[in-house]
């Protein structure tokens, strides 16, 4: 997974806008951040996942996904070079669904 692929997946979800905060692009839906690129380092991304989704995704692919140490529940780091495209897509959708307003979320079919 490359940064460009991650960006394309995130921006491909309904209602998503890219915003720059602290020199790292983040992805928002309904004004809420669900993903950030280039944090904690350039080769990483961070997702804001529901706790149950985080547990499943980390267990399925522990080399690519790991809980962010010391951060709030659900913050999940993604090592992009280790992360398979289908798993990143699954994780992005889970993070997006958790933050998307119902009016947007109800019309999405993955």
N, C-alpha and C. Protein backbone atom coordinates (compact mmCIF):
# COMPACT_ATOMS: atom_id res chain seq x y z
N UNK A 1 0.85 -1.17 0.00
CA UNK A 1 0.00 0.00 0.00
C UNK A 1 0.90 1.23 0.00
N UNK A 2 0.62 2.13 -0.91
CA UNK A 2 1.37 3.39 -0.96
C UNK A 2 0.54 4.52 -0.36
N UNK A 3 1.19 5.64 -0.12
CA UNK A 3 0.46 6.82 0.37
C UNK A 3 -0.60 7.24 -0.64
N UNK A 4 -0.27 7.19 -1.91
CA UNK A 4 -1.23 7.58 -2.96
C UNK A 4 -2.44 6.65 -2.96
N UNK A 5 -2.21 5.36 -2.78
CA UNK A 5 -3.32 4.40 -2.73
C UNK A 5 -4.19 4.63 -1.51
N UNK A 6 -3.55 4.90 -0.37
CA UNK A 6 -4.30 5.19 0.86
C UNK A 6 -5.18 6.42 0.65
N UNK A 7 -4.59 7.48 0.12
CA UNK A 7 -5.31 8.73 -0.14
C UNK A 7 -6.50 8.48 -1.08
N UNK A 8 -6.26 7.73 -2.15
CA UNK A 8 -7.34 7.44 -3.11
C UNK A 8 -8.48 6.64 -2.45
N UNK A 9 -8.13 5.67 -1.64
CA UNK A 9 -9.17 4.89 -0.94
C UNK A 9 -9.98 5.78 -0.01
N UNK A 10 -9.29 6.61 0.76
CA UNK A 10 -9.99 7.49 1.71
C UNK A 10 -10.89 8.47 0.98
N UNK A 11 -10.35 9.12 -0.05
CA UNK A 11 -11.13 10.12 -0.78
C UNK A 11 -12.23 9.51 -1.64
N UNK A 12 -12.15 8.20 -1.86
CA UNK A 12 -13.19 7.51 -2.62
C UNK A 12 -14.44 7.22 -1.82
N UNK A 13 -14.40 7.43 -0.53
CA UNK A 13 -15.57 7.21 0.31
C UNK A 13 -16.47 8.45 0.28
N UNK A 14 -17.78 8.28 0.33
CA UNK A 14 -18.70 9.41 0.22
C UNK A 14 -18.51 10.46 1.31
N UNK A 15 -18.54 11.71 0.88
CA UNK A 15 -18.51 12.83 1.81
C UNK A 15 -17.16 13.15 2.42
N UNK A 16 -16.09 12.51 1.96
CA UNK A 16 -14.77 12.68 2.56
C UNK A 16 -14.05 13.88 1.97
N UNK A 17 -13.42 14.65 2.85
CA UNK A 17 -12.56 15.75 2.43
C UNK A 17 -11.20 15.57 3.09
N UNK A 18 -10.17 16.03 2.37
CA UNK A 18 -8.81 16.00 2.91
C UNK A 18 -8.54 17.36 3.55
N UNK A 19 -7.90 17.33 4.70
CA UNK A 19 -7.59 18.53 5.45
C UNK A 19 -6.16 18.38 5.96
N UNK A 20 -5.42 19.46 6.01
CA UNK A 20 -4.04 19.38 6.53
C UNK A 20 -4.00 19.93 7.95
N UNK A 21 -3.50 19.14 8.85
CA UNK A 21 -3.36 19.54 10.25
C UNK A 21 -1.97 19.12 10.70
N UNK A 22 -1.19 20.04 11.21
CA UNK A 22 0.15 19.75 11.71
C UNK A 22 1.00 19.02 10.66
N UNK A 23 0.94 19.48 9.42
CA UNK A 23 1.72 18.94 8.32
C UNK A 23 1.40 17.50 7.94
N UNK A 24 0.27 17.00 8.40
CA UNK A 24 -0.16 15.66 8.04
C UNK A 24 -1.57 15.75 7.48
N UNK A 25 -1.80 15.20 6.29
CA UNK A 25 -3.17 15.21 5.79
C UNK A 25 -4.06 14.30 6.63
N UNK A 26 -5.26 14.78 6.88
CA UNK A 26 -6.24 13.90 7.53
C UNK A 26 -7.49 13.86 6.68
N UNK A 27 -8.32 12.89 6.96
CA UNK A 27 -9.51 12.63 6.17
C UNK A 27 -10.71 12.70 7.09
N UNK A 28 -11.70 13.51 6.66
CA UNK A 28 -12.85 13.80 7.51
C UNK A 28 -14.13 13.52 6.76
N UNK A 29 -15.12 13.13 7.54
CA UNK A 29 -16.47 12.98 7.02
C UNK A 29 -17.40 13.62 8.05
N UNK A 30 -18.26 14.49 7.58
CA UNK A 30 -19.15 15.19 8.51
C UNK A 30 -18.38 16.00 9.53
N UNK A 31 -17.19 16.47 9.16
CA UNK A 31 -16.36 17.27 10.05
C UNK A 31 -15.56 16.47 11.07
N UNK A 32 -15.66 15.16 11.04
CA UNK A 32 -14.96 14.31 12.01
C UNK A 32 -13.81 13.56 11.34
N UNK A 33 -12.66 13.56 12.00
CA UNK A 33 -11.48 12.86 11.49
C UNK A 33 -11.64 11.36 11.69
N UNK A 34 -11.36 10.59 10.62
CA UNK A 34 -11.38 9.14 10.76
C UNK A 34 -10.06 8.50 10.33
N UNK A 35 -9.18 9.29 9.67
CA UNK A 35 -7.89 8.76 9.23
C UNK A 35 -6.90 9.90 9.08
N UNK A 36 -5.63 9.55 9.23
CA UNK A 36 -4.55 10.52 9.06
C UNK A 36 -3.40 9.81 8.35
N UNK A 37 -2.77 10.51 7.44
CA UNK A 37 -1.67 9.95 6.65
C UNK A 37 -0.35 10.57 7.10
N UNK A 38 0.70 9.77 7.14
CA UNK A 38 2.02 10.28 7.48
C UNK A 38 2.26 10.48 8.96
N UNK A 39 1.52 9.76 9.79
CA UNK A 39 1.71 9.87 11.23
C UNK A 39 1.68 8.47 11.82
N UNK A 40 2.58 8.11 12.68
CA UNK A 40 3.60 8.91 13.34
C UNK A 40 4.83 9.19 12.47
N UNK A 41 4.98 8.46 11.36
CA UNK A 41 6.08 8.69 10.41
C UNK A 41 5.51 8.63 9.01
N UNK A 42 6.31 9.02 8.03
CA UNK A 42 5.84 9.11 6.65
C UNK A 42 5.29 7.79 6.11
N UNK A 43 5.81 6.68 6.54
CA UNK A 43 5.39 5.38 6.02
C UNK A 43 4.20 4.77 6.78
N UNK A 44 3.55 5.59 7.59
CA UNK A 44 2.44 5.12 8.43
C UNK A 44 1.18 5.94 8.18
N UNK A 45 0.08 5.39 8.64
CA UNK A 45 -1.19 6.11 8.69
C UNK A 45 -1.82 5.76 10.04
N UNK A 46 -2.80 6.54 10.44
CA UNK A 46 -3.53 6.26 11.67
C UNK A 46 -5.02 6.28 11.35
N UNK A 47 -5.74 5.31 11.92
CA UNK A 47 -7.19 5.22 11.76
C UNK A 47 -7.86 5.33 13.12
N UNK A 48 -9.03 5.91 13.14
CA UNK A 48 -9.85 5.99 14.34
C UNK A 48 -10.94 4.94 14.18
N UNK A 49 -10.71 3.76 14.75
CA UNK A 49 -11.61 2.63 14.59
C UNK A 49 -12.45 2.40 15.84
N UNK A 50 -13.64 1.84 15.68
CA UNK A 50 -14.36 1.36 16.85
C UNK A 50 -13.54 0.23 17.49
N UNK A 51 -13.63 0.08 18.79
CA UNK A 51 -12.79 -0.88 19.51
C UNK A 51 -12.92 -2.30 18.97
N UNK A 52 -14.14 -2.75 18.66
CA UNK A 52 -14.31 -4.13 18.17
C UNK A 52 -13.68 -4.30 16.79
N UNK A 53 -13.78 -3.30 15.93
CA UNK A 53 -13.16 -3.38 14.61
C UNK A 53 -11.64 -3.38 14.74
N UNK A 54 -11.11 -2.58 15.67
CA UNK A 54 -9.67 -2.54 15.88
C UNK A 54 -9.16 -3.93 16.28
N UNK A 55 -9.83 -4.54 17.19
CA UNK A 55 -9.42 -5.86 17.67
C UNK A 55 -9.38 -6.87 16.52
N UNK A 56 -10.41 -6.88 15.69
CA UNK A 56 -10.49 -7.83 14.57
C UNK A 56 -9.40 -7.56 13.53
N UNK A 57 -9.20 -6.29 13.18
CA UNK A 57 -8.24 -5.94 12.13
C UNK A 57 -6.81 -6.20 12.59
N UNK A 58 -6.49 -5.85 13.83
CA UNK A 58 -5.15 -6.10 14.36
C UNK A 58 -4.89 -7.60 14.43
N UNK A 59 -5.87 -8.38 14.88
CA UNK A 59 -5.70 -9.83 14.98
C UNK A 59 -5.50 -10.47 13.60
N UNK A 60 -6.18 -9.94 12.59
CA UNK A 60 -6.09 -10.52 11.25
C UNK A 60 -4.78 -10.18 10.54
N UNK A 61 -4.17 -9.06 10.91
CA UNK A 61 -2.97 -8.61 10.19
C UNK A 61 -2.05 -7.82 11.13
N UNK A 62 -1.48 -8.51 12.15
CA UNK A 62 -0.71 -7.80 13.18
C UNK A 62 0.58 -7.16 12.69
N UNK A 63 1.13 -7.59 11.58
CA UNK A 63 2.34 -6.96 11.07
C UNK A 63 2.09 -5.59 10.47
N UNK A 64 0.87 -5.36 10.04
CA UNK A 64 0.53 -4.10 9.38
C UNK A 64 -0.26 -3.15 10.27
N UNK A 65 -1.06 -3.70 11.16
CA UNK A 65 -1.93 -2.88 12.02
C UNK A 65 -1.55 -3.10 13.48
N UNK A 66 -1.51 -2.02 14.24
CA UNK A 66 -1.27 -2.13 15.68
C UNK A 66 -1.92 -0.97 16.41
N UNK A 67 -2.40 -1.22 17.62
CA UNK A 67 -2.97 -0.13 18.40
C UNK A 67 -1.92 0.95 18.65
N UNK A 68 -2.33 2.20 18.62
CA UNK A 68 -1.41 3.30 18.93
C UNK A 68 -1.13 3.30 20.42
N UNK A 69 0.13 3.24 20.81
CA UNK A 69 0.44 3.19 22.24
C UNK A 69 0.05 4.49 22.94
N UNK A 70 -0.66 4.33 24.04
CA UNK A 70 -1.01 5.48 24.87
C UNK A 70 -2.13 6.34 24.33
N UNK A 71 -2.62 6.07 23.15
CA UNK A 71 -3.70 6.87 22.57
C UNK A 71 -5.05 6.33 23.01
N UNK A 72 -6.07 7.05 22.68
CA UNK A 72 -7.44 6.65 23.01
C UNK A 72 -7.78 5.32 22.34
N UNK A 73 -8.72 4.62 22.92
CA UNK A 73 -9.16 3.35 22.36
C UNK A 73 -9.57 3.52 20.91
N UNK A 74 -9.15 2.59 20.09
CA UNK A 74 -9.51 2.59 18.69
C UNK A 74 -8.49 3.22 17.76
N UNK A 75 -7.60 4.06 18.28
CA UNK A 75 -6.57 4.65 17.42
C UNK A 75 -5.63 3.53 16.98
N UNK A 76 -5.52 3.35 15.68
CA UNK A 76 -4.80 2.22 15.13
C UNK A 76 -3.79 2.69 14.10
N UNK A 77 -2.56 2.27 14.26
CA UNK A 77 -1.50 2.61 13.31
C UNK A 77 -1.46 1.58 12.20
N UNK A 78 -1.18 2.07 10.98
CA UNK A 78 -1.10 1.20 9.81
C UNK A 78 0.27 1.40 9.18
N UNK A 79 1.06 0.34 9.13
CA UNK A 79 2.36 0.39 8.45
C UNK A 79 2.08 0.12 6.99
N UNK A 80 2.07 1.18 6.19
CA UNK A 80 1.57 1.10 4.82
C UNK A 80 2.28 0.05 3.97
N UNK A 81 3.58 -0.05 4.07
CA UNK A 81 4.30 -1.00 3.21
C UNK A 81 3.98 -2.46 3.56
N UNK A 82 3.47 -2.70 4.74
CA UNK A 82 3.13 -4.05 5.19
C UNK A 82 1.65 -4.37 5.00
N UNK A 83 0.85 -3.37 4.74
CA UNK A 83 -0.60 -3.52 4.77
C UNK A 83 -1.16 -3.93 3.41
N UNK A 84 -1.90 -5.05 3.36
CA UNK A 84 -2.53 -5.45 2.11
C UNK A 84 -3.72 -4.54 1.78
N UNK A 85 -3.83 -4.22 0.52
CA UNK A 85 -4.87 -3.32 0.03
C UNK A 85 -6.28 -3.67 0.56
N UNK A 86 -6.72 -4.94 0.47
CA UNK A 86 -8.07 -5.26 0.95
C UNK A 86 -8.27 -4.97 2.43
N UNK A 87 -7.25 -5.21 3.25
CA UNK A 87 -7.36 -4.95 4.69
C UNK A 87 -7.42 -3.46 4.99
N UNK A 88 -6.64 -2.67 4.26
CA UNK A 88 -6.68 -1.22 4.47
C UNK A 88 -8.04 -0.69 4.06
N UNK A 89 -8.56 -1.16 2.95
CA UNK A 89 -9.88 -0.73 2.51
C UNK A 89 -10.93 -1.07 3.57
N UNK A 90 -10.89 -2.30 4.08
CA UNK A 90 -11.81 -2.74 5.13
C UNK A 90 -11.70 -1.84 6.37
N UNK A 91 -10.49 -1.54 6.77
CA UNK A 91 -10.27 -0.71 7.96
C UNK A 91 -10.72 0.74 7.72
N UNK A 92 -10.44 1.28 6.56
CA UNK A 92 -10.88 2.65 6.24
C UNK A 92 -12.40 2.73 6.26
N UNK A 93 -13.06 1.74 5.69
CA UNK A 93 -14.52 1.74 5.69
C UNK A 93 -15.07 1.67 7.11
N UNK A 94 -14.47 0.84 7.96
CA UNK A 94 -14.92 0.74 9.35
C UNK A 94 -14.74 2.07 10.08
N UNK A 95 -13.60 2.72 9.89
CA UNK A 95 -13.36 4.01 10.53
C UNK A 95 -14.31 5.07 9.99
N UNK A 96 -14.53 5.08 8.67
CA UNK A 96 -15.43 6.03 8.03
C UNK A 96 -16.86 5.82 8.55
N UNK A 97 -17.33 4.58 8.58
CA UNK A 97 -18.69 4.28 9.05
C UNK A 97 -18.91 4.78 10.48
N UNK A 98 -17.88 4.67 11.29
CA UNK A 98 -18.00 5.09 12.69
C UNK A 98 -18.18 6.60 12.83
N UNK A 99 -17.69 7.37 11.87
CA UNK A 99 -17.74 8.83 11.96
C UNK A 99 -18.76 9.47 11.02
N UNK A 100 -19.15 8.77 9.96
CA UNK A 100 -20.03 9.35 8.95
C UNK A 100 -21.44 9.61 9.50
N UNK A 101 -22.01 10.75 9.14
CA UNK A 101 -23.40 11.00 9.51
C UNK A 101 -24.31 9.96 8.85
N UNK A 102 -25.37 9.65 9.51
CA UNK A 102 -26.30 8.62 9.03
C UNK A 102 -26.77 8.90 7.60
N UNK A 103 -27.04 10.17 7.27
CA UNK A 103 -27.56 10.53 5.95
C UNK A 103 -26.57 10.15 4.84
N UNK A 104 -25.28 10.12 5.15
CA UNK A 104 -24.27 9.71 4.17
C UNK A 104 -24.05 8.20 4.25
N UNK A 105 -23.92 7.70 5.45
CA UNK A 105 -23.61 6.28 5.69
C UNK A 105 -24.69 5.35 5.13
N UNK A 106 -25.94 5.74 5.25
CA UNK A 106 -27.04 4.86 4.83
C UNK A 106 -27.09 4.64 3.32
N UNK A 107 -26.45 5.48 2.54
CA UNK A 107 -26.46 5.34 1.08
C UNK A 107 -25.22 4.65 0.52
N UNK A 108 -24.31 4.26 1.39
CA UNK A 108 -23.06 3.63 0.95
C UNK A 108 -23.22 2.13 0.85
N UNK A 109 -22.78 1.58 -0.26
CA UNK A 109 -22.75 0.13 -0.47
C UNK A 109 -21.32 -0.26 -0.84
N UNK A 110 -20.69 -1.08 0.00
CA UNK A 110 -19.30 -1.45 -0.29
C UNK A 110 -19.19 -2.75 -0.99
